[in-house]
């Protein structure tokens, strides 16, 4: 498995399974690091029925659009008919001090679903 930040569309298209991890900025907006990939997928890719994905969305529940960036990815990938593996992990920064530690059990479970 490869992990990369600020992945390009070419990177994305190498894989049949991806794990999207996105924080949320402002009022449910995409961070600058992942926004270009999101817009390329939205504008240039379309139908992806062979893609499998997992989604970890980080946010702050004191905002109206909690985990808004992650949920934008969810809506886009569902529209593209990609197949989500497992449930979405939503991490609330109001409650969770160490999201990377909090996510370990979810990641272990998600990894077993890939087999």
PDB file of N, CA and C in Angstrom:
ATOM      1  N   UNK A   1       0.847  -1.184   0.000  1.00  0.00           N
ATOM      2  CA  UNK A   1       0.000   0.000   0.000  1.00  0.00           C
ATOM      3  C   UNK A   1       0.888   1.240   0.000  1.00  0.00           C
ATOM      4  N   UNK A   2       0.498   2.198  -0.761  1.00  0.00           N
ATOM      5  CA  UNK A   2       1.225   3.460  -0.807  1.00  0.00           C
ATOM      6  C   UNK A   2       0.399   4.530  -0.118  1.00  0.00           C
ATOM      7  N   UNK A   3       1.059   5.395   0.593  1.00  0.00           N
ATOM      8  CA  UNK A   3       0.404   6.536   1.207  1.00  0.00           C
ATOM      9  C   UNK A   3       1.046   7.782   0.627  1.00  0.00           C
ATOM     10  N   UNK A   4       0.210   8.673   0.169  1.00  0.00           N
ATOM     11  CA  UNK A   4       0.764   9.917  -0.350  1.00  0.00           C
ATOM     12  C   UNK A   4      -0.188  11.044  -0.001  1.00  0.00           C
ATOM     13  N   UNK A   5       0.371  12.208   0.107  1.00  0.00           N
ATOM     14  CA  UNK A   5      -0.427  13.393   0.346  1.00  0.00           C
ATOM     15  C   UNK A   5      -0.421  14.200  -0.934  1.00  0.00           C
ATOM     16  N   UNK A   6      -1.477  14.958  -1.099  1.00  0.00           N
ATOM     17  CA  UNK A   6      -1.601  15.793  -2.288  1.00  0.00           C
ATOM     18  C   UNK A   6      -1.452  14.940  -3.541  1.00  0.00           C
ATOM     19  N   UNK A   7      -2.118  13.778  -3.546  1.00  0.00           N
ATOM     20  CA  UNK A   7      -2.050  12.870  -4.684  1.00  0.00           C
ATOM     21  C   UNK A   7      -2.625  13.499  -5.939  1.00  0.00           C
ATOM     22  N   UNK A   8      -2.126  13.043  -7.067  1.00  0.00           N
ATOM     23  CA  UNK A   8      -2.609  13.531  -8.348  1.00  0.00           C
ATOM     24  C   UNK A   8      -3.616  12.545  -8.916  1.00  0.00           C
ATOM     25  N   UNK A   9      -4.278  12.955  -9.964  1.00  0.00           N
ATOM     26  CA  UNK A   9      -5.223  12.077 -10.639  1.00  0.00           C
ATOM     27  C   UNK A   9      -4.509  10.836 -11.177  1.00  0.00           C
ATOM     28  N   UNK A  10      -3.285  11.007 -11.674  1.00  0.00           N
ATOM     29  CA  UNK A  10      -2.518   9.866 -12.169  1.00  0.00           C
ATOM     30  C   UNK A  10      -2.245   8.874 -11.041  1.00  0.00           C
ATOM     31  N   UNK A  11      -1.914   9.378  -9.848  1.00  0.00           N
ATOM     32  CA  UNK A  11      -1.717   8.504  -8.692  1.00  0.00           C
ATOM     33  C   UNK A  11      -3.008   7.739  -8.394  1.00  0.00           C
ATOM     34  N   UNK A  12      -4.102   8.467  -8.328  1.00  0.00           N
ATOM     35  CA  UNK A  12      -5.411   7.903  -7.998  1.00  0.00           C
ATOM     36  C   UNK A  12      -5.750   6.747  -8.933  1.00  0.00           C
ATOM     37  N   UNK A  13      -5.507   6.939 -10.212  1.00  0.00           N
ATOM     38  CA  UNK A  13      -5.932   5.965 -11.207  1.00  0.00           C
ATOM     39  C   UNK A  13      -5.067   4.703 -11.246  1.00  0.00           C
ATOM     40  N   UNK A  14      -3.991   4.667 -10.466  1.00  0.00           N
ATOM     41  CA  UNK A  14      -3.154   3.466 -10.391  1.00  0.00           C
ATOM     42  C   UNK A  14      -3.796   2.389  -9.532  1.00  0.00           C
ATOM     43  N   UNK A  15      -4.762   2.760  -8.687  1.00  0.00           N
ATOM     44  CA  UNK A  15      -5.244   1.861  -7.648  1.00  0.00           C
ATOM     45  C   UNK A  15      -6.700   1.468  -7.849  1.00  0.00           C
ATOM     46  N   UNK A  16      -7.018   0.247  -7.424  1.00  0.00           N
ATOM     47  CA  UNK A  16      -8.410  -0.204  -7.442  1.00  0.00           C
ATOM     48  C   UNK A  16      -9.061  -0.011  -6.068  1.00  0.00           C
ATOM     49  N   UNK A  17      -8.230   0.228  -5.039  1.00  0.00           N
ATOM     50  CA  UNK A  17      -8.737   0.504  -3.690  1.00  0.00           C
ATOM     51  C   UNK A  17      -7.982   1.705  -3.130  1.00  0.00           C
ATOM     52  N   UNK A  18      -8.719   2.664  -2.605  1.00  0.00           N
ATOM     53  CA  UNK A  18      -8.107   3.856  -2.012  1.00  0.00           C
ATOM     54  C   UNK A  18      -8.746   4.122  -0.648  1.00  0.00           C
ATOM     55  N   UNK A  19      -7.991   4.764   0.208  1.00  0.00           N
ATOM     56  CA  UNK A  19      -8.505   5.230   1.492  1.00  0.00           C
ATOM     57  C   UNK A  19      -8.389   6.746   1.479  1.00  0.00           C
ATOM     58  N   UNK A  20      -9.525   7.411   1.518  1.00  0.00           N
ATOM     59  CA  UNK A  20      -9.555   8.874   1.522  1.00  0.00           C
ATOM     60  C   UNK A  20      -9.612   9.335   2.977  1.00  0.00           C
ATOM     61  N   UNK A  21      -8.686  10.203   3.345  1.00  0.00           N
ATOM     62  CA  UNK A  21      -8.672  10.800   4.683  1.00  0.00           C
ATOM     63  C   UNK A  21      -8.658  12.305   4.484  1.00  0.00           C
ATOM     64  N   UNK A  22      -9.685  12.954   4.988  1.00  0.00           N
ATOM     65  CA  UNK A  22      -9.745  14.399   4.791  1.00  0.00           C
ATOM     66  C   UNK A  22     -10.215  15.113   6.040  1.00  0.00           C
ATOM     67  N   UNK A  23      -9.498  16.166   6.387  1.00  0.00           N
ATOM     68  CA  UNK A  23      -9.994  17.084   7.400  1.00  0.00           C
ATOM     69  C   UNK A  23     -10.960  18.039   6.694  1.00  0.00           C
ATOM     70  N   UNK A  24     -11.536  18.934   7.459  1.00  0.00           N
ATOM     71  CA  UNK A  24     -12.483  19.902   6.917  1.00  0.00           C
ATOM     72  C   UNK A  24     -12.038  21.279   7.373  1.00  0.00           C
ATOM     73  N   UNK A  25     -12.127  22.243   6.487  1.00  0.00           N
ATOM     74  CA  UNK A  25     -11.765  23.610   6.845  1.00  0.00           C
ATOM     75  C   UNK A  25     -12.982  24.512   6.706  1.00  0.00           C
ATOM     76  N   UNK A  26     -12.909  25.660   7.335  1.00  0.00           N
ATOM     77  CA  UNK A  26     -13.971  26.657   7.192  1.00  0.00           C
ATOM     78  C   UNK A  26     -15.345  26.081   7.491  1.00  0.00           C
ATOM     79  N   UNK A  27     -16.275  26.315   6.588  1.00  0.00           N
ATOM     80  CA  UNK A  27     -17.646  25.861   6.763  1.00  0.00           C
ATOM     81  C   UNK A  27     -17.906  24.593   5.947  1.00  0.00           C
ATOM     82  N   UNK A  28     -17.113  23.561   6.216  1.00  0.00           N
ATOM     83  CA  UNK A  28     -17.301  22.303   5.505  1.00  0.00           C
ATOM     84  C   UNK A  28     -16.530  22.217   4.216  1.00  0.00           C
ATOM     85  N   UNK A  29     -15.450  22.999   4.112  1.00  0.00           N
ATOM     86  CA  UNK A  29     -14.700  23.084   2.862  1.00  0.00           C
ATOM     87  C   UNK A  29     -13.566  22.062   2.811  1.00  0.00           C
ATOM     88  N   UNK A  30     -13.120  21.781   1.590  1.00  0.00           N
ATOM     89  CA  UNK A  30     -11.989  20.894   1.360  1.00  0.00           C
ATOM     90  C   UNK A  30     -10.686  21.616   1.685  1.00  0.00           C
ATOM     91  N   UNK A  31      -9.746  20.934   2.350  1.00  0.00           N
ATOM     92  CA  UNK A  31      -8.424  21.537   2.569  1.00  0.00           C
ATOM     93  C   UNK A  31      -7.711  21.744   1.232  1.00  0.00           C
ATOM     94  N   UNK A  32      -6.811  22.703   1.196  1.00  0.00           N
ATOM     95  CA  UNK A  32      -6.075  23.008  -0.040  1.00  0.00           C
ATOM     96  C   UNK A  32      -5.288  21.810  -0.562  1.00  0.00           C
ATOM     97  N   UNK A  33      -4.885  20.900   0.342  1.00  0.00           N
ATOM     98  CA  UNK A  33      -4.066  19.769  -0.071  1.00  0.00           C
ATOM     99  C   UNK A  33      -4.857  18.744  -0.879  1.00  0.00           C
ATOM    100  N   UNK A  34      -6.165  18.632  -0.643  1.00  0.00           N
ATOM    101  CA  UNK A  34      -6.942  17.594  -1.313  1.00  0.00           C
ATOM    102  C   UNK A  34      -7.935  18.159  -2.331  1.00  0.00           C
ATOM    103  N   UNK A  35      -8.190  19.457  -2.270  1.00  0.00           N
ATOM    104  CA  UNK A  35      -9.164  20.065  -3.181  1.00  0.00           C
ATOM    105  C   UNK A  35      -8.844  19.849  -4.662  1.00  0.00           C
ATOM    106  N   UNK A  36      -7.573  20.005  -5.101  1.00  0.00           N
ATOM    107  CA  UNK A  36      -7.293  19.800  -6.528  1.00  0.00           C
ATOM    108  C   UNK A  36      -7.661  18.396  -7.017  1.00  0.00           C
ATOM    109  N   UNK A  37      -7.369  17.387  -6.202  1.00  0.00           N
ATOM    110  CA  UNK A  37      -7.720  16.021  -6.567  1.00  0.00           C
ATOM    111  C   UNK A  37      -9.242  15.877  -6.658  1.00  0.00           C
ATOM    112  N   UNK A  38      -9.957  16.414  -5.686  1.00  0.00           N
ATOM    113  CA  UNK A  38     -11.417  16.341  -5.690  1.00  0.00           C
ATOM    114  C   UNK A  38     -11.986  16.937  -6.974  1.00  0.00           C
ATOM    115  N   UNK A  39     -11.514  18.136  -7.343  1.00  0.00           N
ATOM    116  CA  UNK A  39     -12.062  18.804  -8.527  1.00  0.00           C
ATOM    117  C   UNK A  39     -11.682  18.086  -9.816  1.00  0.00           C
ATOM    118  N   UNK A  40     -10.475  17.499  -9.858  1.00  0.00           N
ATOM    119  CA  UNK A  40     -10.102  16.705 -11.037  1.00  0.00           C
ATOM    120  C   UNK A  40     -11.006  15.490 -11.167  1.00  0.00           C
ATOM    121  N   UNK A  41     -11.263  14.812 -10.048  1.00  0.00           N
ATOM    122  CA  UNK A  41     -12.159  13.655 -10.084  1.00  0.00           C
ATOM    123  C   UNK A  41     -13.548  14.080 -10.530  1.00  0.00           C
ATOM    124  N   UNK A  42     -14.023  15.172  -9.977  1.00  0.00           N
ATOM    125  CA  UNK A  42     -15.376  15.641 -10.303  1.00  0.00           C
ATOM    126  C   UNK A  42     -15.495  16.033 -11.768  1.00  0.00           C
ATOM    127  N   UNK A  43     -14.482  16.741 -12.268  1.00  0.00           N
ATOM    128  CA  UNK A  43     -14.601  17.330 -13.597  1.00  0.00           C
ATOM    129  C   UNK A  43     -14.109  16.439 -14.725  1.00  0.00           C
ATOM    130  N   UNK A  44     -13.209  15.488 -14.421  1.00  0.00           N
ATOM    131  CA  UNK A  44     -12.544  14.751 -15.503  1.00  0.00           C
ATOM    132  C   UNK A  44     -12.679  13.237 -15.450  1.00  0.00           C
ATOM    133  N   UNK A  45     -13.245  12.672 -14.381  1.00  0.00           N
ATOM    134  CA  UNK A  45     -13.223  11.219 -14.277  1.00  0.00           C
ATOM    135  C   UNK A  45     -14.602  10.600 -14.474  1.00  0.00           C
ATOM    136  N   UNK A  46     -15.531  10.918 -13.632  1.00  0.00           N
ATOM    137  CA  UNK A  46     -16.855  10.319 -13.771  1.00  0.00           C
ATOM    138  C   UNK A  46     -16.904   8.895 -13.257  1.00  0.00           C
ATOM    139  N   UNK A  47     -17.574   8.055 -14.010  1.00  0.00           N
ATOM    140  CA  UNK A  47     -17.919   6.682 -13.631  1.00  0.00           C
ATOM    141  C   UNK A  47     -16.698   5.869 -13.213  1.00  0.00           C
ATOM    142  N   UNK A  48     -16.720   5.326 -11.972  1.00  0.00           N
ATOM    143  CA  UNK A  48     -15.608   4.523 -11.439  1.00  0.00           C
ATOM    144  C   UNK A  48     -16.145   3.265 -10.745  1.00  0.00           C
ATOM    145  N   UNK A  49     -16.888   2.413 -11.455  1.00  0.00           N
ATOM    146  CA  UNK A  49     -17.532   1.274 -10.781  1.00  0.00           C
ATOM    147  C   UNK A  49     -16.556   0.235 -10.251  1.00  0.00           C
ATOM    148  N   UNK A  50     -15.318   0.231 -10.700  1.00  0.00           N
ATOM    149  CA  UNK A  50     -14.345  -0.755 -10.232  1.00  0.00           C
ATOM    150  C   UNK A  50     -13.510  -0.249  -9.061  1.00  0.00           C
ATOM    151  N   UNK A  51     -13.768   0.977  -8.627  1.00  0.00           N
ATOM    152  CA  UNK A  51     -13.011   1.549  -7.521  1.00  0.00           C
ATOM    153  C   UNK A  51     -13.662   1.184  -6.198  1.00  0.00           C
ATOM    154  N   UNK A  52     -12.859   0.728  -5.250  1.00  0.00           N
ATOM    155  CA  UNK A  52     -13.299   0.492  -3.881  1.00  0.00           C
ATOM    156  C   UNK A  52     -12.605   1.518  -2.996  1.00  0.00           C
ATOM    157  N   UNK A  53     -13.326   1.991  -1.986  1.00  0.00           N
ATOM    158  CA  UNK A  53     -12.719   3.030  -1.149  1.00  0.00           C
ATOM    159  C   UNK A  53     -13.195   2.930   0.289  1.00  0.00           C
ATOM    160  N   UNK A  54     -12.381   3.497   1.152  1.00  0.00           N
ATOM    161  CA  UNK A  54     -12.732   3.732   2.544  1.00  0.00           C
ATOM    162  C   UNK A  54     -12.634   5.227   2.784  1.00  0.00           C
ATOM    163  N   UNK A  55     -13.298   5.690   3.837  1.00  0.00           N
ATOM    164  CA  UNK A  55     -13.317   7.128   4.073  1.00  0.00           C
ATOM    165  C   UNK A  55     -13.203   7.436   5.561  1.00  0.00           C
ATOM    166  N   UNK A  56     -12.210   8.259   5.875  1.00  0.00           N
ATOM    167  CA  UNK A  56     -12.067   8.816   7.216  1.00  0.00           C
ATOM    168  C   UNK A  56     -12.234  10.330   7.076  1.00  0.00           C
ATOM    169  N   UNK A  57     -13.221  10.848   7.788  1.00  0.00           N
ATOM    170  CA  UNK A  57     -13.523  12.275   7.715  1.00  0.00           C
ATOM    171  C   UNK A  57     -13.287  12.910   9.076  1.00  0.00           C
ATOM    172  N   UNK A  58     -12.502  13.970   9.088  1.00  0.00           N
ATOM    173  CA  UNK A  58     -12.239  14.690  10.325  1.00  0.00           C
ATOM    174  C   UNK A  58     -12.986  16.010  10.302  1.00  0.00           C
ATOM    175  N   UNK A  59     -13.501  16.384  11.459  1.00  0.00           N
ATOM    176  CA  UNK A  59     -14.228  17.643  11.533  1.00  0.00           C
ATOM    177  C   UNK A  59     -14.392  18.093  12.964  1.00  0.00           C
ATOM    178  N   UNK A  60     -15.168  19.140  13.125  1.00  0.00           N
ATOM    179  CA  UNK A  60     -15.438  19.754  14.421  1.00  0.00           C
ATOM    180  C   UNK A  60     -16.951  19.906  14.516  1.00  0.00           C
ATOM    181  N   UNK A  61     -17.559  19.170  15.447  1.00  0.00           N
ATOM    182  CA  UNK A  61     -19.018  19.137  15.533  1.00  0.00           C
ATOM    183  C   UNK A  61     -19.643  20.460  15.966  1.00  0.00           C
ATOM    184  N   UNK A  62     -18.815  21.432  16.331  1.00  0.00           N
ATOM    185  CA  UNK A  62     -19.387  22.737  16.665  1.00  0.00           C
ATOM    186  C   UNK A  62     -19.735  23.536  15.406  1.00  0.00           C
ATOM    187  N   UNK A  63     -19.342  23.032  14.240  1.00  0.00           N
ATOM    188  CA  UNK A  63     -19.688  23.661  12.960  1.00  0.00           C
ATOM    189  C   UNK A  63     -20.870  22.937  12.331  1.00  0.00           C
ATOM    190  N   UNK A  64     -21.658  23.674  11.569  1.00  0.00           N
ATOM    191  CA  UNK A  64     -22.845  23.098  10.932  1.00  0.00           C
ATOM    192  C   UNK A  64     -22.499  21.973   9.971  1.00  0.00           C
ATOM    193  N   UNK A  65     -21.456  22.143   9.169  1.00  0.00           N
ATOM    194  CA  UNK A  65     -21.105  21.147   8.160  1.00  0.00           C
ATOM    195  C   UNK A  65     -20.025  20.212   8.686  1.00  0.00           C
ATOM    196  N   UNK A  66     -20.373  19.469   9.743  1.00  0.00           N
ATOM    197  CA  UNK A  66     -19.444  18.548  10.398  1.00  0.00           C
ATOM    198  C   UNK A  66     -18.930  17.530   9.386  1.00  0.00           C
ATOM    199  N   UNK A  67     -17.613  17.404   9.304  1.00  0.00           N
ATOM    200  CA  UNK A  67     -16.966  16.482   8.357  1.00  0.00           C
ATOM    201  C   UNK A  67     -17.377  16.769   6.911  1.00  0.00           C
ATOM    202  N   UNK A  68     -17.610  18.032   6.617  1.00  0.00           N
ATOM    203  CA  UNK A  68     -18.135  18.419   5.307  1.00  0.00           C
ATOM    204  C   UNK A  68     -17.261  18.005   4.141  1.00  0.00           C
ATOM    205  N   UNK A  69     -15.937  18.116   4.268  1.00  0.00           N
ATOM    206  CA  UNK A  69     -15.057  17.758   3.156  1.00  0.00           C
ATOM    207  C   UNK A  69     -15.131  16.262   2.881  1.00  0.00           C
ATOM    208  N   UNK A  70     -15.081  15.459   3.940  1.00  0.00           N
ATOM    209  CA  UNK A  70     -15.193  14.014   3.767  1.00  0.00           C
ATOM    210  C   UNK A  70     -16.523  13.625   3.146  1.00  0.00           C
ATOM    211  N   UNK A  71     -17.586  14.312   3.551  1.00  0.00           N
ATOM    212  CA  UNK A  71     -18.899  13.980   3.017  1.00  0.00           C
ATOM    213  C   UNK A  71     -19.033  14.428   1.554  1.00  0.00           C
ATOM    214  N   UNK A  72     -18.280  15.461   1.159  1.00  0.00           N
ATOM    215  CA  UNK A  72     -18.251  15.825  -0.266  1.00  0.00           C
ATOM    216  C   UNK A  72     -17.612  14.702  -1.082  1.00  0.00           C
ATOM    217  N   UNK A  73     -16.533  14.113  -0.539  1.00  0.00           N
ATOM    218  CA  UNK A  73     -15.902  12.974  -1.211  1.00  0.00           C
ATOM    219  C   UNK A  73     -16.865  11.795  -1.283  1.00  0.00           C
ATOM    220  N   UNK A  74     -17.563  11.533  -0.195  1.00  0.00           N
ATOM    221  CA  UNK A  74     -18.528  10.427  -0.168  1.00  0.00           C
ATOM    222  C   UNK A  74     -19.581  10.612  -1.265  1.00  0.00           C
ATOM    223  N   UNK A  75     -20.147  11.807  -1.354  1.00  0.00           N
ATOM    224  CA  UNK A  75     -21.182  12.062  -2.354  1.00  0.00           C
ATOM    225  C   UNK A  75     -20.629  11.906  -3.767  1.00  0.00           C
ATOM    226  N   UNK A  76     -19.422  12.420  -3.996  1.00  0.00           N
ATOM    227  CA  UNK A  76     -18.812  12.335  -5.325  1.00  0.00           C
ATOM    228  C   UNK A  76     -18.547  10.885  -5.711  1.00  0.00           C
ATOM    229  N   UNK A  77     -17.952  10.113  -4.807  1.00  0.00           N
ATOM    230  CA  UNK A  77     -17.617   8.731  -5.128  1.00  0.00           C
ATOM    231  C   UNK A  77     -18.872   7.877  -5.289  1.00  0.00           C
ATOM    232  N   UNK A  78     -19.902   8.159  -4.519  1.00  0.00           N
ATOM    233  CA  UNK A  78     -21.167   7.446  -4.703  1.00  0.00           C
ATOM    234  C   UNK A  78     -21.778   7.791  -6.057  1.00  0.00           C
ATOM    235  N   UNK A  79     -21.699   9.054  -6.433  1.00  0.00           N
ATOM    236  CA  UNK A  79     -22.193   9.484  -7.745  1.00  0.00           C
ATOM    237  C   UNK A  79     -21.439   8.761  -8.864  1.00  0.00           C
ATOM    238  N   UNK A  80     -20.149   8.519  -8.654  1.00  0.00           N
ATOM    239  CA  UNK A  80     -19.320   7.809  -9.635  1.00  0.00           C
ATOM    240  C   UNK A  80     -19.520   6.294  -9.573  1.00  0.00           C
ATOM    241  N   UNK A  81     -20.388   5.860  -8.663  1.00  0.00           N
ATOM    242  CA  UNK A  81     -20.712   4.447  -8.451  1.00  0.00           C
ATOM    243  C   UNK A  81     -19.515   3.620  -7.983  1.00  0.00           C
ATOM    244  N   UNK A  82     -18.587   4.270  -7.288  1.00  0.00           N
ATOM    245  CA  UNK A  82     -17.519   3.540  -6.613  1.00  0.00           C
ATOM    246  C   UNK A  82     -18.156   2.810  -5.424  1.00  0.00           C
ATOM    247  N   UNK A  83     -17.479   1.797  -4.934  1.00  0.00           N
ATOM    248  CA  UNK A  83     -18.039   0.961  -3.868  1.00  0.00           C
ATOM    249  C   UNK A  83     -17.292   1.211  -2.565  1.00  0.00           C
ATOM    250  N   UNK A  84     -18.024   1.736  -1.583  1.00  0.00           N
ATOM    251  CA  UNK A  84     -17.399   1.985  -0.287  1.00  0.00           C
ATOM    252  C   UNK A  84     -17.280   0.678   0.480  1.00  0.00           C
ATOM    253  N   UNK A  85     -16.134   0.472   1.096  1.00  0.00           N
ATOM    254  CA  UNK A  85     -15.886  -0.679   1.954  1.00  0.00           C
ATOM    255  C   UNK A  85     -16.009  -0.198   3.394  1.00  0.00           C
ATOM    256  N   UNK A  86     -16.898  -0.801   4.152  1.00  0.00           N
ATOM    257  CA  UNK A  86     -17.067  -0.434   5.555  1.00  0.00           C
ATOM    258  C   UNK A  86     -17.823   0.871   5.723  1.00  0.00           C
ATOM    259  N   UNK A  87     -17.943   1.250   6.976  1.00  0.00           N
ATOM    260  CA  UNK A  87     -18.634   2.491   7.318  1.00  0.00           C
ATOM    261  C   UNK A  87     -17.651   3.655   7.269  1.00  0.00           C
ATOM    262  N   UNK A  88     -18.169   4.851   7.142  1.00  0.00           N
ATOM    263  CA  UNK A  88     -17.341   6.056   7.210  1.00  0.00           C
ATOM    264  C   UNK A  88     -16.940   6.275   8.667  1.00  0.00           C
ATOM    265  N   UNK A  89     -15.659   6.559   8.890  1.00  0.00           N
ATOM    266  CA  UNK A  89     -15.213   6.931  10.229  1.00  0.00           C
ATOM    267  C   UNK A  89     -15.215   8.458  10.301  1.00  0.00           C
ATOM    268  N   UNK A  90     -16.076   9.003  11.152  1.00  0.00           N
ATOM    269  CA  UNK A  90     -16.103  10.445  11.380  1.00  0.00           C
ATOM    270  C   UNK A  90     -15.425  10.709  12.712  1.00  0.00           C
ATOM    271  N   UNK A  91     -14.423  11.573  12.677  1.00  0.00           N
ATOM    272  CA  UNK A  91     -13.662  11.895  13.885  1.00  0.00           C
ATOM    273  C   UNK A  91     -13.934  13.347  14.259  1.00  0.00           C
ATOM    274  N   UNK A  92     -14.424  13.535  15.466  1.00  0.00           N
ATOM    275  CA  UNK A  92     -14.793  14.862  15.959  1.00  0.00           C
ATOM    276  C   UNK A  92     -13.652  15.431  16.804  1.00  0.00           C
ATOM    277  N   UNK A  93     -13.062  16.516  16.321  1.00  0.00           N
ATOM    278  CA  UNK A  93     -11.935  17.109  17.051  1.00  0.00           C
ATOM    279  C   UNK A  93     -12.351  17.680  18.409  1.00  0.00           C
ATOM    280  N   UNK A  94     -13.639  17.853  18.615  1.00  0.00           N
ATOM    281  CA  UNK A  94     -14.111  18.319  19.922  1.00  0.00           C
ATOM    282  C   UNK A  94     -13.933  17.226  20.982  1.00  0.00           C
ATOM    283  N   UNK A  95     -13.998  15.959  20.555  1.00  0.00           N
ATOM    284  CA  UNK A  95     -13.942  14.832  21.487  1.00  0.00           C
ATOM    285  C   UNK A  95     -12.638  14.047  21.436  1.00  0.00           C
ATOM    286  N   UNK A  96     -11.979  14.048  20.292  1.00  0.00           N
ATOM    287  CA  UNK A  96     -10.846  13.156  20.057  1.00  0.00           C
ATOM    288  C   UNK A  96      -9.559  13.969  19.971  1.00  0.00           C
ATOM    289  N   UNK A  97      -8.679  13.779  20.952  1.00  0.00           N
ATOM    290  CA  UNK A  97      -7.424  14.537  20.980  1.00  0.00           C
ATOM    291  C   UNK A  97      -6.389  13.985  20.007  1.00  0.00           C
ATOM    292  N   UNK A  98      -6.384  12.663  19.815  1.00  0.00           N
ATOM    293  CA  UNK A  98      -5.391  12.023  18.954  1.00  0.00           C
ATOM    294  C   UNK A  98      -6.106  11.193  17.879  1.00  0.00           C
ATOM    295  N   UNK A  99      -6.495  11.827  16.786  1.00  0.00           N
ATOM    296  CA  UNK A  99      -7.268  11.112  15.762  1.00  0.00           C
ATOM    297  C   UNK A  99      -6.545   9.904  15.185  1.00  0.00           C
ATOM    298  N   UNK A 100      -5.204   9.992  15.088  1.00  0.00           N
ATOM    299  CA  UNK A 100      -4.455   8.868  14.504  1.00  0.00           C
ATOM    300  C   UNK A 100      -4.522   7.635  15.409  1.00  0.00           C
ATOM    301  N   UNK A 101      -4.577   7.838  16.710  1.00  0.00           N
ATOM    302  CA  UNK A 101      -4.713   6.723  17.652  1.00  0.00           C
ATOM    303  C   UNK A 101      -6.156   6.207  17.630  1.00  0.00           C
ATOM    304  N   UNK A 102      -7.093   7.127  17.620  1.00  0.00           N
ATOM    305  CA  UNK A 102      -8.516   6.779  17.603  1.00  0.00           C
ATOM    306  C   UNK A 102      -8.863   5.927  16.376  1.00  0.00           C
ATOM    307  N   UNK A 103      -8.209   6.186  15.261  1.00  0.00           N
ATOM    308  CA  UNK A 103      -8.538   5.514  14.001  1.00  0.00           C
ATOM    309  C   UNK A 103      -7.972   4.100  13.881  1.00  0.00           C
ATOM    310  N   UNK A 104      -7.070   3.697  14.772  1.00  0.00           N
ATOM    311  CA  UNK A 104      -6.376   2.414  14.601  1.00  0.00           C
ATOM    312  C   UNK A 104      -7.342   1.231  14.537  1.00  0.00           C
ATOM    313  N   UNK A 105      -8.290   1.144  15.462  1.00  0.00           N
ATOM    314  CA  UNK A 105      -9.220   0.012  15.436  1.00  0.00           C
ATOM    315  C   UNK A 105     -10.031  -0.006  14.147  1.00  0.00           C
ATOM    316  N   UNK A 106     -10.494   1.157  13.733  1.00  0.00           N
ATOM    317  CA  UNK A 106     -11.252   1.241  12.485  1.00  0.00           C
ATOM    318  C   UNK A 106     -10.398   0.756  11.318  1.00  0.00           C
ATOM    319  N   UNK A 107      -9.140   1.208  11.266  1.00  0.00           N
ATOM    320  CA  UNK A 107      -8.247   0.817  10.167  1.00  0.00           C
ATOM    321  C   UNK A 107      -7.993  -0.687  10.153  1.00  0.00           C
ATOM    322  N   UNK A 108      -7.819  -1.264  11.327  1.00  0.00           N
ATOM    323  CA  UNK A 108      -7.598  -2.705  11.394  1.00  0.00           C
ATOM    324  C   UNK A 108      -8.811  -3.460  10.879  1.00  0.00           C
ATOM    325  N   UNK A 109      -9.995  -3.022  11.268  1.00  0.00           N
ATOM    326  CA  UNK A 109     -11.228  -3.644  10.797  1.00  0.00           C
ATOM    327  C   UNK A 109     -11.364  -3.460   9.288  1.00  0.00           C
ATOM    328  N   UNK A 110     -11.104  -2.236   8.830  1.00  0.00           N
ATOM    329  CA  UNK A 110     -11.215  -1.940   7.390  1.00  0.00           C
ATOM    330  C   UNK A 110     -10.279  -2.828   6.585  1.00  0.00           C
ATOM    331  N   UNK A 111      -9.071  -3.014   7.071  1.00  0.00           N
ATOM    332  CA  UNK A 111      -8.092  -3.847   6.367  1.00  0.00           C
ATOM    333  C   UNK A 111      -8.587  -5.285   6.225  1.00  0.00           C
ATOM    334  N   UNK A 112      -9.286  -5.798   7.232  1.00  0.00           N
ATOM    335  CA  UNK A 112      -9.802  -7.169   7.127  1.00  0.00           C
ATOM    336  C   UNK A 112     -10.896  -7.254   6.076  1.00  0.00           C
ATOM    337  N   UNK A 113     -11.619  -6.173   5.847  1.00  0.00           N
ATOM    338  CA  UNK A 113     -12.693  -6.168   4.839  1.00  0.00           C
ATOM    339  C   UNK A 113     -12.138  -6.190   3.418  1.00  0.00           C
ATOM    340  N   UNK A 114     -10.864  -5.883   3.258  1.00  0.00           N
ATOM    341  CA  UNK A 114     -10.264  -5.852   1.920  1.00  0.00           C
ATOM    342  C   UNK A 114      -9.977  -7.248   1.393  1.00  0.00           C
ATOM    343  N   UNK A 115      -9.919  -8.222   2.268  1.00  0.00           N
ATOM    344  CA  UNK A 115      -9.555  -9.587   1.839  1.00  0.00           C
ATOM    345  C   UNK A 115     -10.754 -10.355   1.290  1.00  0.00           C
TER     346      UNK A 115
END
